[in-house]
Amino acid sequence: IAQRTKEALARCKADGIKLGRRPGRTVNVRLTGHE
């Protein structure tokens, strides 16, 4: 599992995919609709 995860992250990085949580994702889930 650890090896597959490392390989997947390496492929994403090589393809220029930005890793990590998308900005505002947690905000949207928890706070959106409560303005």
ModelCIF file with pLDDT and N, C-alpha, C, O atoms, coordinates in Angstrom:
data_MODEL
#
_entry.id   MODEL 
#
_entity.id                         1 
_entity.type                       polymer 
_entity.pdbx_number_of_molecules   1 
#
_entity_poly.entity_id                      1 
_entity_poly.type                           'polypeptide(L)' 
_entity_poly.nstd_linkage                   no 
_entity_poly.nstd_monomer                   no 
_entity_poly.pdbx_seq_one_letter_code       IAQRTKEALARCKADGIKLGRRPGRTVNVRLTGHE 
_entity_poly.pdbx_seq_one_letter_code_can   IAQRTKEALARCKADGIKLGRRPGRTVNVRLTGHE 
_entity_poly.pdbx_strand_id                 A 
#
loop_
_entity_poly_seq.entity_id 
_entity_poly_seq.num 
_entity_poly_seq.mon_id 
_entity_poly_seq.hetero 
1 1  ILE n 
1 2  ALA n 
1 3  GLN n 
1 4  ARG n 
1 5  THR n 
1 6  LYS n 
1 7  GLU n 
1 8  ALA n 
1 9  LEU n 
1 10 ALA n 
1 11 ARG n 
1 12 CYS n 
1 13 LYS n 
1 14 ALA n 
1 15 ASP n 
1 16 GLY n 
1 17 ILE n 
1 18 LYS n 
1 19 LEU n 
1 20 GLY n 
1 21 ARG n 
1 22 ARG n 
1 23 PRO n 
1 24 GLY n 
1 25 ARG n 
1 26 THR n 
1 27 VAL n 
1 28 ASN n 
1 29 VAL n 
1 30 ARG n 
1 31 LEU n 
1 32 THR n 
1 33 GLY n 
1 34 HIS n 
1 35 GLU n 
#
_struct_asym.id          A 
_struct_asym.entity_id   1 
#
loop_
_ma_qa_metric.id 
_ma_qa_metric.mode 
_ma_qa_metric.name 
_ma_qa_metric.software_group_id 
_ma_qa_metric.type 
1 global pLDDT . pLDDT 
2 local  pLDDT . pLDDT 
#
_ma_qa_metric_global.metric_id      1 
_ma_qa_metric_global.metric_value   69.17 
_ma_qa_metric_global.model_id       1 
_ma_qa_metric_global.ordinal_id     1 
#
loop_
_ma_qa_metric_local.label_asym_id 
_ma_qa_metric_local.label_comp_id 
_ma_qa_metric_local.label_seq_id 
_ma_qa_metric_local.metric_id 
_ma_qa_metric_local.metric_value 
_ma_qa_metric_local.model_id 
_ma_qa_metric_local.ordinal_id 
A ILE 1  2 76.00 1 1  
A ALA 2  2 76.00 1 2  
A GLN 3  2 76.00 1 3  
A ARG 4  2 77.00 1 4  
A THR 5  2 80.00 1 5  
A LYS 6  2 80.00 1 6  
A GLU 7  2 76.00 1 7  
A ALA 8  2 78.00 1 8  
A LEU 9  2 80.00 1 9  
A ALA 10 2 78.00 1 10 
A ARG 11 2 77.00 1 11 
A CYS 12 2 77.00 1 12 
A LYS 13 2 78.00 1 13 
A ALA 14 2 77.00 1 14 
A ASP 15 2 74.00 1 15 
A GLY 16 2 74.00 1 16 
A ILE 17 2 70.00 1 17 
A LYS 18 2 65.00 1 18 
A LEU 19 2 62.00 1 19 
A GLY 20 2 60.00 1 20 
A ARG 21 2 54.00 1 21 
A ARG 22 2 54.00 1 22 
A PRO 23 2 49.00 1 23 
A GLY 24 2 45.00 1 24 
A ARG 25 2 49.00 1 25 
A THR 26 2 46.00 1 26 
A VAL 27 2 47.00 1 27 
A ASN 28 2 51.00 1 28 
A VAL 29 2 61.00 1 29 
A ARG 30 2 73.00 1 30 
A LEU 31 2 80.00 1 31 
A THR 32 2 79.00 1 32 
A GLY 33 2 78.00 1 33 
A HIS 34 2 82.00 1 34 
A GLU 35 2 82.00 1 35 
#
loop_
_atom_site.group_PDB 
_atom_site.id 
_atom_site.type_symbol 
_atom_site.label_atom_id 
_atom_site.label_alt_id 
_atom_site.label_comp_id 
_atom_site.label_asym_id 
_atom_site.label_entity_id 
_atom_site.label_seq_id 
_atom_site.pdbx_PDB_ins_code 
_atom_site.Cartn_x 
_atom_site.Cartn_y 
_atom_site.Cartn_z 
_atom_site.occupancy 
_atom_site.B_iso_or_equiv 
_atom_site.pdbx_formal_charge 
_atom_site.auth_seq_id 
_atom_site.auth_comp_id 
_atom_site.auth_asym_id 
_atom_site.auth_atom_id 
_atom_site.pdbx_PDB_model_num 
ATOM 1   N N  . ILE A 1 1  ? 0.836   -1.200 0.000   1.00 76.00 ? 1  ILE A N  1 
ATOM 2   C CA . ILE A 1 1  ? 0.000   0.000  0.000   1.00 76.00 ? 1  ILE A CA 1 
ATOM 3   C C  . ILE A 1 1  ? 0.871   1.251  0.000   1.00 76.00 ? 1  ILE A C  1 
ATOM 4   O O  . ILE A 1 1  ? 0.611   2.196  -0.744  1.00 76.00 ? 1  ILE A O  1 
ATOM 5   N N  . ALA A 1 2  ? 1.911   1.251  0.842   1.00 76.00 ? 2  ALA A N  1 
ATOM 6   C CA . ALA A 1 2  ? 2.820   2.398  0.906   1.00 76.00 ? 2  ALA A CA 1 
ATOM 7   C C  . ALA A 1 2  ? 3.519   2.613  -0.439  1.00 76.00 ? 2  ALA A C  1 
ATOM 8   O O  . ALA A 1 2  ? 3.674   3.747  -0.893  1.00 76.00 ? 2  ALA A O  1 
ATOM 9   N N  . GLN A 1 3  ? 3.936   1.516  -1.067  1.00 76.00 ? 3  GLN A N  1 
ATOM 10  C CA . GLN A 1 3  ? 4.622   1.622  -2.352  1.00 76.00 ? 3  GLN A CA 1 
ATOM 11  C C  . GLN A 1 3  ? 3.685   2.143  -3.431  1.00 76.00 ? 3  GLN A C  1 
ATOM 12  O O  . GLN A 1 3  ? 4.073   2.994  -4.232  1.00 76.00 ? 3  GLN A O  1 
ATOM 13  N N  . ARG A 1 4  ? 2.450   1.638  -3.460  1.00 77.00 ? 4  ARG A N  1 
ATOM 14  C CA . ARG A 1 4  ? 1.483   2.102  -4.455  1.00 77.00 ? 4  ARG A CA 1 
ATOM 15  C C  . ARG A 1 4  ? 1.164   3.575  -4.262  1.00 77.00 ? 4  ARG A C  1 
ATOM 16  O O  . ARG A 1 4  ? 0.990   4.314  -5.231  1.00 77.00 ? 4  ARG A O  1 
ATOM 17  N N  . THR A 1 5  ? 1.086   4.000  -2.995  1.00 80.00 ? 5  THR A N  1 
ATOM 18  C CA . THR A 1 5  ? 0.808   5.407  -2.705  1.00 80.00 ? 5  THR A CA 1 
ATOM 19  C C  . THR A 1 5  ? 1.938   6.290  -3.203  1.00 80.00 ? 5  THR A C  1 
ATOM 20  O O  . THR A 1 5  ? 1.689   7.328  -3.817  1.00 80.00 ? 5  THR A O  1 
ATOM 21  N N  . LYS A 1 6  ? 3.184   5.887  -2.945  1.00 80.00 ? 6  LYS A N  1 
ATOM 22  C CA . LYS A 1 6  ? 4.335   6.659  -3.408  1.00 80.00 ? 6  LYS A CA 1 
ATOM 23  C C  . LYS A 1 6  ? 4.365   6.755  -4.927  1.00 80.00 ? 6  LYS A C  1 
ATOM 24  O O  . LYS A 1 6  ? 4.642   7.818  -5.483  1.00 80.00 ? 6  LYS A O  1 
ATOM 25  N N  . GLU A 1 7  ? 4.080   5.644  -5.593  1.00 76.00 ? 7  GLU A N  1 
ATOM 26  C CA . GLU A 1 7  ? 4.085   5.639  -7.057  1.00 76.00 ? 7  GLU A CA 1 
ATOM 27  C C  . GLU A 1 7  ? 2.989   6.539  -7.618  1.00 76.00 ? 7  GLU A C  1 
ATOM 28  O O  . GLU A 1 7  ? 3.209   7.258  -8.593  1.00 76.00 ? 7  GLU A O  1 
ATOM 29  N N  . ALA A 1 8  ? 1.803   6.498  -7.000  1.00 78.00 ? 8  ALA A N  1 
ATOM 30  C CA . ALA A 1 8  ? 0.691   7.327  -7.460  1.00 78.00 ? 8  ALA A CA 1 
ATOM 31  C C  . ALA A 1 8  ? 1.011   8.807  -7.279  1.00 78.00 ? 8  ALA A C  1 
ATOM 32  O O  . ALA A 1 8  ? 0.730   9.617  -8.163  1.00 78.00 ? 8  ALA A O  1 
ATOM 33  N N  . LEU A 1 9  ? 1.601   9.163  -6.129  1.00 80.00 ? 9  LEU A N  1 
ATOM 34  C CA . LEU A 1 9  ? 1.969   10.553 -5.881  1.00 80.00 ? 9  LEU A CA 1 
ATOM 35  C C  . LEU A 1 9  ? 3.038   11.017 -6.860  1.00 80.00 ? 9  LEU A C  1 
ATOM 36  O O  . LEU A 1 9  ? 3.007   12.153 -7.332  1.00 80.00 ? 9  LEU A O  1 
ATOM 37  N N  . ALA A 1 10 ? 3.988   10.126 -7.162  1.00 78.00 ? 10 ALA A N  1 
ATOM 38  C CA . ALA A 1 10 ? 5.046   10.466 -8.109  1.00 78.00 ? 10 ALA A CA 1 
ATOM 39  C C  . ALA A 1 10 ? 4.473   10.719 -9.508  1.00 78.00 ? 10 ALA A C  1 
ATOM 40  O O  . ALA A 1 10 ? 4.904   11.641 -10.201 1.00 78.00 ? 10 ALA A O  1 
ATOM 41  N N  . ARG A 1 11 ? 3.500   9.898  -9.917  1.00 77.00 ? 11 ARG A N  1 
ATOM 42  C CA . ARG A 1 11 ? 2.868   10.081 -11.223 1.00 77.00 ? 11 ARG A CA 1 
ATOM 43  C C  . ARG A 1 11 ? 2.113   11.392 -11.290 1.00 77.00 ? 11 ARG A C  1 
ATOM 44  O O  . ARG A 1 11 ? 2.181   12.111 -12.287 1.00 77.00 ? 11 ARG A O  1 
ATOM 45  N N  . CYS A 1 12 ? 1.385   11.703 -10.210 1.00 77.00 ? 12 CYS A N  1 
ATOM 46  C CA . CYS A 1 12 ? 0.639   12.965 -10.168 1.00 77.00 ? 12 CYS A CA 1 
ATOM 47  C C  . CYS A 1 12 ? 1.570   14.156 -10.260 1.00 77.00 ? 12 CYS A C  1 
ATOM 48  O O  . CYS A 1 12 ? 1.297   15.123 -10.971 1.00 77.00 ? 12 CYS A O  1 
ATOM 49  N N  . LYS A 1 13 ? 2.680   14.074 -9.529  1.00 78.00 ? 13 LYS A N  1 
ATOM 50  C CA . LYS A 1 13 ? 3.638   15.168 -9.543  1.00 78.00 ? 13 LYS A CA 1 
ATOM 51  C C  . LYS A 1 13 ? 4.264   15.329 -10.918 1.00 78.00 ? 13 LYS A C  1 
ATOM 52  O O  . LYS A 1 13 ? 4.465   16.445 -11.395 1.00 78.00 ? 13 LYS A O  1 
ATOM 53  N N  . ALA A 1 14 ? 4.572   14.190 -11.558 1.00 77.00 ? 14 ALA A N  1 
ATOM 54  C CA . ALA A 1 14 ? 5.161   14.229 -12.899 1.00 77.00 ? 14 ALA A CA 1 
ATOM 55  C C  . ALA A 1 14 ? 4.183   14.799 -13.923 1.00 77.00 ? 14 ALA A C  1 
ATOM 56  O O  . ALA A 1 14 ? 4.595   15.433 -14.895 1.00 77.00 ? 14 ALA A O  1 
ATOM 57  N N  . ASP A 1 15 ? 2.880   14.572 -13.703 1.00 74.00 ? 15 ASP A N  1 
ATOM 58  C CA . ASP A 1 15 ? 1.859   15.075 -14.625 1.00 74.00 ? 15 ASP A CA 1 
ATOM 59  C C  . ASP A 1 15 ? 1.455   16.507 -14.315 1.00 74.00 ? 15 ASP A C  1 
ATOM 60  O O  . ASP A 1 15 ? 0.603   17.080 -14.994 1.00 74.00 ? 15 ASP A O  1 
ATOM 61  N N  . GLY A 1 16 ? 2.069   17.081 -13.289 1.00 74.00 ? 16 GLY A N  1 
ATOM 62  C CA . GLY A 1 16 ? 1.778   18.467 -12.946 1.00 74.00 ? 16 GLY A CA 1 
ATOM 63  C C  . GLY A 1 16 ? 0.506   18.656 -12.154 1.00 74.00 ? 16 GLY A C  1 
ATOM 64  O O  . GLY A 1 16 ? -0.023  19.764 -12.072 1.00 74.00 ? 16 GLY A O  1 
ATOM 65  N N  . ILE A 1 17 ? 0.009   17.572 -11.566 1.00 70.00 ? 17 ILE A N  1 
ATOM 66  C CA . ILE A 1 17 ? -1.214  17.662 -10.769 1.00 70.00 ? 17 ILE A CA 1 
ATOM 67  C C  . ILE A 1 17 ? -0.872  18.178 -9.384  1.00 70.00 ? 17 ILE A C  1 
ATOM 68  O O  . ILE A 1 17 ? 0.020   17.648 -8.721  1.00 70.00 ? 17 ILE A O  1 
ATOM 69  N N  . LYS A 1 18 ? -1.569  19.195 -8.952  1.00 65.00 ? 18 LYS A N  1 
ATOM 70  C CA . LYS A 1 18 ? -1.327  19.769 -7.637  1.00 65.00 ? 18 LYS A CA 1 
ATOM 71  C C  . LYS A 1 18 ? -1.907  18.859 -6.563  1.00 65.00 ? 18 LYS A C  1 
ATOM 72  O O  . LYS A 1 18 ? -3.088  18.515 -6.598  1.00 65.00 ? 18 LYS A O  1 
ATOM 73  N N  . LEU A 1 19 ? -1.074  18.476 -5.618  1.00 62.00 ? 19 LEU A N  1 
ATOM 74  C CA . LEU A 1 19 ? -1.488  17.563 -4.565  1.00 62.00 ? 19 LEU A CA 1 
ATOM 75  C C  . LEU A 1 19 ? -1.998  18.316 -3.345  1.00 62.00 ? 19 LEU A C  1 
ATOM 76  O O  . LEU A 1 19 ? -1.752  19.512 -3.190  1.00 62.00 ? 19 LEU A O  1 
ATOM 77  N N  . GLY A 1 20 ? -2.709  17.604 -2.486  1.00 60.00 ? 20 GLY A N  1 
ATOM 78  C CA . GLY A 1 20 ? -3.211  18.209 -1.259  1.00 60.00 ? 20 GLY A CA 1 
ATOM 79  C C  . GLY A 1 20 ? -4.672  18.609 -1.383  1.00 60.00 ? 20 GLY A C  1 
ATOM 80  O O  . GLY A 1 20 ? -5.275  18.503 -2.451  1.00 60.00 ? 20 GLY A O  1 
ATOM 81  N N  . ARG A 1 21 ? -5.224  19.067 -0.277  1.00 54.00 ? 21 ARG A N  1 
ATOM 82  C CA . ARG A 1 21 ? -6.629  19.455 -0.247  1.00 54.00 ? 21 ARG A CA 1 
ATOM 83  C C  . ARG A 1 21 ? -6.866  20.685 -1.093  1.00 54.00 ? 21 ARG A C  1 
ATOM 84  O O  . ARG A 1 21 ? -6.092  21.641 -1.046  1.00 54.00 ? 21 ARG A O  1 
ATOM 85  N N  . ARG A 1 22 ? -7.926  20.661 -1.857  1.00 54.00 ? 22 ARG A N  1 
ATOM 86  C CA . ARG A 1 22 ? -8.264  21.831 -2.649  1.00 54.00 ? 22 ARG A CA 1 
ATOM 87  C C  . ARG A 1 22 ? -8.669  22.984 -1.736  1.00 54.00 ? 22 ARG A C  1 
ATOM 88  O O  . ARG A 1 22 ? -9.422  22.773 -0.785  1.00 54.00 ? 22 ARG A O  1 
ATOM 89  N N  . PRO A 1 23 ? -8.194  24.186 -2.000  1.00 49.00 ? 23 PRO A N  1 
ATOM 90  C CA . PRO A 1 23 ? -8.531  25.335 -1.148  1.00 49.00 ? 23 PRO A CA 1 
ATOM 91  C C  . PRO A 1 23 ? -10.035 25.499 -1.001  1.00 49.00 ? 23 PRO A C  1 
ATOM 92  O O  . PRO A 1 23 ? -10.782 25.463 -1.979  1.00 49.00 ? 23 PRO A O  1 
ATOM 93  N N  . GLY A 1 24 ? -10.455 25.677 0.231   1.00 45.00 ? 24 GLY A N  1 
ATOM 94  C CA . GLY A 1 24 ? -11.858 25.946 0.485   1.00 45.00 ? 24 GLY A CA 1 
ATOM 95  C C  . GLY A 1 24 ? -12.735 24.722 0.583   1.00 45.00 ? 24 GLY A C  1 
ATOM 96  O O  . GLY A 1 24 ? -13.939 24.847 0.809   1.00 45.00 ? 24 GLY A O  1 
ATOM 97  N N  . ARG A 1 25 ? -12.161 23.526 0.417   1.00 49.00 ? 25 ARG A N  1 
ATOM 98  C CA . ARG A 1 25 ? -12.992 22.330 0.428   1.00 49.00 ? 25 ARG A CA 1 
ATOM 99  C C  . ARG A 1 25 ? -13.678 22.118 1.764   1.00 49.00 ? 25 ARG A C  1 
ATOM 100 O O  . ARG A 1 25 ? -14.884 21.877 1.826   1.00 49.00 ? 25 ARG A O  1 
ATOM 101 N N  . THR A 1 26 ? -12.886 22.213 2.851   1.00 46.00 ? 26 THR A N  1 
ATOM 102 C CA . THR A 1 26 ? -13.474 22.038 4.177   1.00 46.00 ? 26 THR A CA 1 
ATOM 103 C C  . THR A 1 26 ? -14.476 23.138 4.483   1.00 46.00 ? 26 THR A C  1 
ATOM 104 O O  . THR A 1 26 ? -15.520 22.897 5.088   1.00 46.00 ? 26 THR A O  1 
ATOM 105 N N  . VAL A 1 27 ? -14.137 24.367 4.047   1.00 47.00 ? 27 VAL A N  1 
ATOM 106 C CA . VAL A 1 27 ? -15.031 25.491 4.265   1.00 47.00 ? 27 VAL A CA 1 
ATOM 107 C C  . VAL A 1 27 ? -16.371 25.225 3.606   1.00 47.00 ? 27 VAL A C  1 
ATOM 108 O O  . VAL A 1 27 ? -17.421 25.436 4.213   1.00 47.00 ? 27 VAL A O  1 
ATOM 109 N N  . ASN A 1 28 ? -16.335 24.760 2.358   1.00 51.00 ? 28 ASN A N  1 
ATOM 110 C CA . ASN A 1 28 ? -17.570 24.507 1.630   1.00 51.00 ? 28 ASN A CA 1 
ATOM 111 C C  . ASN A 1 28 ? -18.425 23.468 2.342   1.00 51.00 ? 28 ASN A C  1 
ATOM 112 O O  . ASN A 1 28 ? -19.640 23.633 2.451   1.00 51.00 ? 28 ASN A O  1 
ATOM 113 N N  . VAL A 1 29 ? -17.809 22.417 2.819   1.00 61.00 ? 29 VAL A N  1 
ATOM 114 C CA . VAL A 1 29 ? -18.554 21.327 3.439   1.00 61.00 ? 29 VAL A CA 1 
ATOM 115 C C  . VAL A 1 29 ? -19.189 21.766 4.753   1.00 61.00 ? 29 VAL A C  1 
ATOM 116 O O  . VAL A 1 29 ? -20.354 21.466 5.013   1.00 61.00 ? 29 VAL A O  1 
ATOM 117 N N  . ARG A 1 30 ? -18.445 22.457 5.560   1.00 73.00 ? 30 ARG A N  1 
ATOM 118 C CA . ARG A 1 30 ? -18.915 22.774 6.909   1.00 73.00 ? 30 ARG A CA 1 
ATOM 119 C C  . ARG A 1 30 ? -19.712 24.083 7.000   1.00 73.00 ? 30 ARG A C  1 
ATOM 120 O O  . ARG A 1 30 ? -20.654 24.172 7.786   1.00 73.00 ? 30 ARG A O  1 
ATOM 121 N N  . LEU A 1 31 ? -19.347 25.092 6.210   1.00 80.00 ? 31 LEU A N  1 
ATOM 122 C CA . LEU A 1 31 ? -19.900 26.425 6.418   1.00 80.00 ? 31 LEU A CA 1 
ATOM 123 C C  . LEU A 1 31 ? -20.836 26.906 5.317   1.00 80.00 ? 31 LEU A C  1 
ATOM 124 O O  . LEU A 1 31 ? -21.682 27.765 5.564   1.00 80.00 ? 31 LEU A O  1 
ATOM 125 N N  . THR A 1 32 ? -20.700 26.371 4.108   1.00 79.00 ? 32 THR A N  1 
ATOM 126 C CA . THR A 1 32 ? -21.560 26.813 3.019   1.00 79.00 ? 32 THR A CA 1 
ATOM 127 C C  . THR A 1 32 ? -23.020 26.566 3.355   1.00 79.00 ? 32 THR A C  1 
ATOM 128 O O  . THR A 1 32 ? -23.400 25.485 3.803   1.00 79.00 ? 32 THR A O  1 
ATOM 129 N N  . GLY A 1 33 ? -23.829 27.593 3.129   1.00 78.00 ? 33 GLY A N  1 
ATOM 130 C CA . GLY A 1 33 ? -25.247 27.490 3.447   1.00 78.00 ? 33 GLY A CA 1 
ATOM 131 C C  . GLY A 1 33 ? -25.597 28.112 4.780   1.00 78.00 ? 33 GLY A C  1 
ATOM 132 O O  . GLY A 1 33 ? -26.770 28.263 5.121   1.00 78.00 ? 33 GLY A O  1 
ATOM 133 N N  . HIS A 1 34 ? -24.550 28.478 5.543   1.00 82.00 ? 34 HIS A N  1 
ATOM 134 C CA . HIS A 1 34 ? -24.776 29.077 6.867   1.00 82.00 ? 34 HIS A CA 1 
ATOM 135 C C  . HIS A 1 34 ? -24.347 30.550 6.891   1.00 82.00 ? 34 HIS A C  1 
ATOM 136 O O  . HIS A 1 34 ? -24.069 31.106 7.954   1.00 82.00 ? 34 HIS A O  1 
ATOM 137 N N  . GLU A 1 35 ? -24.298 31.177 5.699   1.00 82.00 ? 35 GLU A N  1 
ATOM 138 C CA . GLU A 1 35 ? -23.823 32.563 5.629   1.00 82.00 ? 35 GLU A CA 1 
ATOM 139 C C  . GLU A 1 35 ? -24.649 33.509 6.505   1.00 82.00 ? 35 GLU A C  1 
ATOM 140 O O  . GLU A 1 35 ? -24.373 34.708 6.551   1.00 82.00 ? 35 GLU A O  1 
#
